[in-house]
Amino acid sequence: MANHKSAIKRIRQTEKRRAYNRTWRSRTRTYVKKARVAQQSSDLKAATAATIEAVTELDKAASKGVIHKKNAARRKSRLMKALNAAAQKPAAAPAPKGKKK
């Protein structure tokens, strides 16, 4: 345990910051995970909405200093790239009708 007043104060500050950052980081990860799951589904509207929510959360985390702004930009870019790839992928075509073997 720290002996100096300043060191004790720094420990208190660090713990407070850690708890604050942890909640925002966890919240951001949750929204990003929801977006990735939605992108895997066939519902493009839901995927778009979830991705926009995730991008907003990443921006909030970056503005609060929880993550670096370039880290947020990189993650947003990857999310949007995955969304565009999901949008380009054709919907699963029904099986062709014909004779069964």
C-alpha atoms as a PDB file:
ATOM      1  CA  MET A   1       0.000   0.000   0.000  1.00  0.00           C
ATOM      2  CA  ALA A   2       1.170   3.510  -0.777  1.00  0.00           C
ATOM      3  CA  ASN A   3       2.516   5.669   2.031  1.00  0.00           C
ATOM      4  CA  HIS A   4       2.427   9.149   0.522  1.00  0.00           C
ATOM      5  CA  LYS A   5      -0.712  11.241   0.351  1.00  0.00           C
ATOM      6  CA  SER A   6      -0.198  11.906  -3.343  1.00  0.00           C
ATOM      7  CA  ALA A   7       0.250   8.208  -4.106  1.00  0.00           C
ATOM      8  CA  ILE A   8      -2.916   7.349  -2.178  1.00  0.00           C
ATOM      9  CA  LYS A   9      -4.802   9.994  -4.122  1.00  0.00           C
ATOM     10  CA  ARG A  10      -3.433   8.674  -7.421  1.00  0.00           C
ATOM     11  CA  ILE A  11      -4.651   5.184  -6.500  1.00  0.00           C
ATOM     12  CA  ARG A  12      -8.141   6.567  -5.845  1.00  0.00           C
ATOM     13  CA  GLN A  13      -8.125   8.475  -9.145  1.00  0.00           C
ATOM     14  CA  THR A  14      -6.860   5.488 -11.095  1.00  0.00           C
ATOM     15  CA  GLU A  15      -9.538   3.205  -9.675  1.00  0.00           C
ATOM     16  CA  LYS A  16     -12.262   5.730 -10.489  1.00  0.00           C
ATOM     17  CA  ARG A  17     -10.984   6.134 -14.066  1.00  0.00           C
ATOM     18  CA  ARG A  18     -10.647   2.377 -14.503  1.00  0.00           C
ATOM     19  CA  ALA A  19     -14.268   1.810 -13.492  1.00  0.00           C
ATOM     20  CA  TYR A  20     -15.482   4.614 -15.784  1.00  0.00           C
ATOM     21  CA  ASN A  21     -13.445   3.405 -18.763  1.00  0.00           C
ATOM     22  CA  ARG A  22     -14.449  -0.184 -18.150  1.00  0.00           C
ATOM     23  CA  THR A  23     -18.172   0.575 -18.394  1.00  0.00           C
ATOM     24  CA  TRP A  24     -17.754   2.531 -21.643  1.00  0.00           C
ATOM     25  CA  ARG A  25     -15.428  -0.053 -23.157  1.00  0.00           C
ATOM     26  CA  SER A  26     -17.850  -2.858 -22.276  1.00  0.00           C
ATOM     27  CA  ARG A  27     -20.792  -0.890 -23.669  1.00  0.00           C
ATOM     28  CA  THR A  28     -18.899  -0.269 -26.903  1.00  0.00           C
ATOM     29  CA  ARG A  29     -17.960  -3.926 -27.268  1.00  0.00           C
ATOM     30  CA  THR A  30     -21.585  -4.960 -26.739  1.00  0.00           C
ATOM     31  CA  TYR A  31     -22.835  -2.686 -29.525  1.00  0.00           C
ATOM     32  CA  VAL A  32     -20.073  -3.822 -31.888  1.00  0.00           C
ATOM     33  CA  LYS A  33     -20.913  -7.461 -31.168  1.00  0.00           C
ATOM     34  CA  LYS A  34     -24.608  -6.819 -31.836  1.00  0.00           C
ATOM     35  CA  ALA A  35     -23.680  -5.191 -35.145  1.00  0.00           C
ATOM     36  CA  ARG A  36     -21.500  -8.131 -36.190  1.00  0.00           C
ATOM     37  CA  VAL A  37     -24.237 -10.638 -35.327  1.00  0.00           C
ATOM     38  CA  ALA A  38     -26.796  -8.572 -37.245  1.00  0.00           C
ATOM     39  CA  GLN A  39     -24.478  -8.447 -40.252  1.00  0.00           C
ATOM     40  CA  GLN A  40     -24.339 -12.240 -40.280  1.00  0.00           C
ATOM     41  CA  SER A  41     -28.135 -12.440 -40.419  1.00  0.00           C
ATOM     42  CA  SER A  42     -30.109 -11.923 -43.611  1.00  0.00           C
ATOM     43  CA  ASP A  43     -31.937  -8.799 -42.360  1.00  0.00           C
ATOM     44  CA  LEU A  44     -30.115  -5.877 -43.971  1.00  0.00           C
ATOM     45  CA  LYS A  45     -32.182  -3.163 -42.250  1.00  0.00           C
ATOM     46  CA  ALA A  46     -31.433  -4.569 -38.804  1.00  0.00           C
ATOM     47  CA  ALA A  47     -27.742  -4.882 -39.690  1.00  0.00           C
ATOM     48  CA  THR A  48     -27.631  -1.267 -40.876  1.00  0.00           C
ATOM     49  CA  ALA A  49     -29.381   0.003 -37.734  1.00  0.00           C
ATOM     50  CA  ALA A  50     -27.106  -2.018 -35.438  1.00  0.00           C
ATOM     51  CA  THR A  51     -24.004  -0.818 -37.289  1.00  0.00           C
ATOM     52  CA  ILE A  52     -25.064   2.824 -36.978  1.00  0.00           C
ATOM     53  CA  GLU A  53     -25.629   2.338 -33.230  1.00  0.00           C
ATOM     54  CA  ALA A  54     -22.191   0.748 -32.895  1.00  0.00           C
ATOM     55  CA  VAL A  55     -20.555   3.613 -34.807  1.00  0.00           C
ATOM     56  CA  THR A  56     -22.273   6.114 -32.495  1.00  0.00           C
ATOM     57  CA  GLU A  57     -21.038   4.264 -29.418  1.00  0.00           C
ATOM     58  CA  LEU A  58     -17.492   4.146 -30.792  1.00  0.00           C
ATOM     59  CA  ASP A  59     -17.633   7.915 -31.383  1.00  0.00           C
ATOM     60  CA  LYS A  60     -18.861   8.497 -27.832  1.00  0.00           C
ATOM     61  CA  ALA A  61     -16.098   6.339 -26.363  1.00  0.00           C
ATOM     62  CA  ALA A  62     -13.496   8.192 -28.426  1.00  0.00           C
ATOM     63  CA  SER A  63     -14.837  11.599 -27.409  1.00  0.00           C
ATOM     64  CA  LYS A  64     -14.643  10.603 -23.742  1.00  0.00           C
ATOM     65  CA  GLY A  65     -11.059   9.429 -24.152  1.00  0.00           C
ATOM     66  CA  VAL A  66     -11.837   5.810 -23.368  1.00  0.00           C
ATOM     67  CA  ILE A  67     -10.383   4.693 -26.700  1.00  0.00           C
ATOM     68  CA  HIS A  68      -8.145   6.586 -29.087  1.00  0.00           C
ATOM     69  CA  LYS A  69      -9.896   8.374 -31.935  1.00  0.00           C
ATOM     70  CA  LYS A  70      -7.894   6.475 -34.549  1.00  0.00           C
ATOM     71  CA  ASN A  71      -8.793   3.193 -32.851  1.00  0.00           C
ATOM     72  CA  ALA A  72     -12.459   4.192 -33.137  1.00  0.00           C
ATOM     73  CA  ALA A  73     -11.975   5.179 -36.778  1.00  0.00           C
ATOM     74  CA  ARG A  74     -10.347   1.832 -37.588  1.00  0.00           C
ATOM     75  CA  ARG A  75     -13.126  -0.137 -35.900  1.00  0.00           C
ATOM     76  CA  LYS A  76     -15.834   1.921 -37.626  1.00  0.00           C
ATOM     77  CA  SER A  77     -14.137   1.356 -40.960  1.00  0.00           C
ATOM     78  CA  ARG A  78     -14.063  -2.395 -40.422  1.00  0.00           C
ATOM     79  CA  LEU A  79     -17.721  -2.430 -39.382  1.00  0.00           C
ATOM     80  CA  MET A  80     -18.776  -0.475 -42.453  1.00  0.00           C
ATOM     81  CA  LYS A  81     -16.659  -2.672 -44.703  1.00  0.00           C
ATOM     82  CA  ALA A  82     -18.346  -5.772 -43.288  1.00  0.00           C
ATOM     83  CA  LEU A  83     -21.784  -4.160 -43.690  1.00  0.00           C
ATOM     84  CA  ASN A  84     -21.087  -3.329 -47.332  1.00  0.00           C
ATOM     85  CA  ALA A  85     -19.861  -6.872 -47.952  1.00  0.00           C
ATOM     86  CA  ALA A  86     -23.051  -8.231 -46.381  1.00  0.00           C
ATOM     87  CA  ALA A  87     -25.139  -5.915 -48.565  1.00  0.00           C
ATOM     88  CA  GLN A  88     -23.340  -7.059 -51.732  1.00  0.00           C
ATOM     89  CA  LYS A  89     -23.803 -10.729 -50.913  1.00  0.00           C
ATOM     90  CA  PRO A  90     -26.858 -12.004 -52.809  1.00  0.00           C
ATOM     91  CA  ALA A  91     -29.708 -13.416 -50.774  1.00  0.00           C
ATOM     92  CA  ALA A  92     -29.797 -17.181 -50.529  1.00  0.00           C
ATOM     93  CA  ALA A  93     -31.502 -18.389 -53.690  1.00  0.00           C
ATOM     94  CA  PRO A  94     -34.194 -21.040 -53.373  1.00  0.00           C
ATOM     95  CA  ALA A  95     -33.306 -24.513 -54.543  1.00  0.00           C
ATOM     96  CA  PRO A  96     -34.003 -25.030 -58.246  1.00  0.00           C
ATOM     97  CA  LYS A  97     -37.144 -26.926 -59.022  1.00  0.00           C
ATOM     98  CA  GLY A  98     -36.600 -30.017 -61.031  1.00  0.00           C
ATOM     99  CA  LYS A  99     -36.401 -33.751 -60.926  1.00  0.00           C
ATOM    100  CA  LYS A 100     -35.225 -35.344 -57.742  1.00  0.00           C
ATOM    101  CA  LYS A 101     -32.642 -38.036 -58.110  1.00  0.00           C
END
